[in-house]
Structures are given as C-alpha cells and as structure tokens.
Amino acid sequence: MPKTPSVILREELAKKGYELLDIYHGREKDTIRIKNLLNGRVYLIESNKHVRDLIGREDVIKFINELLSRIEER
C-alpha cells in the first residue's frame, strides 16, 4: 500500500530528530506543528503549500529542509 505524504513527512522528520504533531489544513497553505525531540520545543510553521500536494519522498525531503531552515532562522 502506498504511503501518504503525511506518513512520509512523519518518518523523515523522525530521522532528523523531530516529531510531527499536527497538520492544520488551510485554504491556501498548511500550518504544521512539530516537536524537537532533543529540547522539547514545539514549533508552529506555516508552509508555502499543502502537504497533500507533495509527490514522492524527494519532494517531502525538500519540504522538510525548507521547514527546518525556517526554524533555524528564529
């Protein structure tokens, strides 16, 4: 059975030390809540696109890198 983009997102975030808590779907973009497993901080990040529109593991990895770069800028 093929995996959905949100399942792939959860798996790839876990590899980087983060836990996917929630995905809030908006009209034009999603709001994603993730938790850093090392320090316990929770981040609320607005994405530029919907998670459901991601195709394949490569797109999800690029998406994660964009999200994590926003966290590091804070």
Protein backbone atom coordinates (compact mmCIF):
# COMPACT_ATOMS: atom_id res chain seq x y z
CA MET A 1 0.00 0.00 0.00
CA PRO A 2 1.49 3.41 -0.96
CA LYS A 3 2.28 5.82 1.82
CA THR A 4 0.59 9.20 2.02
CA PRO A 5 2.71 12.38 2.07
CA SER A 6 1.89 12.96 5.75
CA VAL A 7 3.18 9.48 6.68
CA ILE A 8 6.39 10.08 4.74
CA LEU A 9 6.67 13.50 6.40
CA ARG A 10 6.35 11.89 9.84
CA GLU A 11 9.03 9.28 9.03
CA GLU A 12 11.52 11.76 7.59
CA LEU A 13 11.08 14.20 10.47
CA ALA A 14 11.74 11.36 12.92
CA LYS A 15 15.06 10.68 11.16
CA LYS A 16 16.05 14.30 11.82
CA GLY A 17 15.03 14.27 15.50
CA TYR A 18 11.58 15.85 15.20
CA GLU A 19 8.06 14.58 15.81
CA LEU A 20 5.11 15.59 13.66
CA LEU A 21 2.30 16.60 15.99
CA ASP A 22 -0.39 18.13 13.76
CA ILE A 23 -1.13 19.36 10.27
CA TYR A 24 -3.78 22.05 10.05
CA HIS A 25 -5.13 22.37 6.52
CA GLY A 26 -5.94 25.87 5.33
CA ARG A 27 -7.37 27.14 2.11
CA GLU A 28 -4.06 28.10 0.52
CA LYS A 29 -1.42 26.59 2.82
CA ASP A 30 -0.96 24.27 5.77
CA THR A 31 0.16 25.00 9.30
CA ILE A 32 2.40 22.29 10.71
CA ARG A 33 3.21 21.70 14.37
CA ILE A 34 6.43 19.79 15.08
CA LYS A 35 8.36 19.00 18.25
CA ASN A 36 12.12 18.88 18.65
CA LEU A 37 12.85 15.65 20.50
CA LEU A 38 16.15 16.88 21.97
CA ASN A 39 14.98 20.02 23.73
CA GLY A 40 11.18 19.51 23.76
CA ARG A 41 10.36 22.76 21.97
CA VAL A 42 7.24 22.85 19.82
CA TYR A 43 7.24 24.87 16.60
CA LEU A 44 4.26 26.11 14.61
CA ILE A 45 5.24 26.69 10.98
CA GLU A 46 3.13 27.90 8.06
CA SER A 47 4.05 26.10 4.85
CA ASN A 48 4.02 27.57 1.37
CA LYS A 49 1.97 24.69 0.00
CA HIS A 50 -0.23 21.83 1.09
CA VAL A 51 1.34 18.63 2.38
CA ARG A 52 -1.16 16.57 0.40
CA ASP A 53 0.22 18.05 -2.85
CA LEU A 54 3.72 16.64 -2.27
CA ILE A 55 4.62 13.80 -4.62
CA GLY A 56 7.24 11.27 -3.59
CA ARG A 57 9.86 11.06 -0.89
CA GLU A 58 12.20 13.55 -2.62
CA ASP A 59 9.57 16.31 -2.54
CA VAL A 60 8.91 15.62 1.13
CA ILE A 61 12.62 15.82 1.98
CA LYS A 62 12.93 19.17 0.18
CA PHE A 63 9.83 20.37 2.03
CA ILE A 64 11.32 19.31 5.38
CA ASN A 65 14.58 21.10 4.64
CA GLU A 66 12.62 24.31 3.96
CA LEU A 67 10.70 23.93 7.22
CA LEU A 68 13.80 23.25 9.29
CA SER A 69 15.63 26.20 7.75
CA ARG A 70 12.80 28.45 8.97
CA ILE A 71 13.23 27.06 12.47
CA GLU A 72 16.98 27.71 12.44
CA GLU A 73 16.39 31.34 11.40
CA ARG A 74 14.45 32.03 14.61
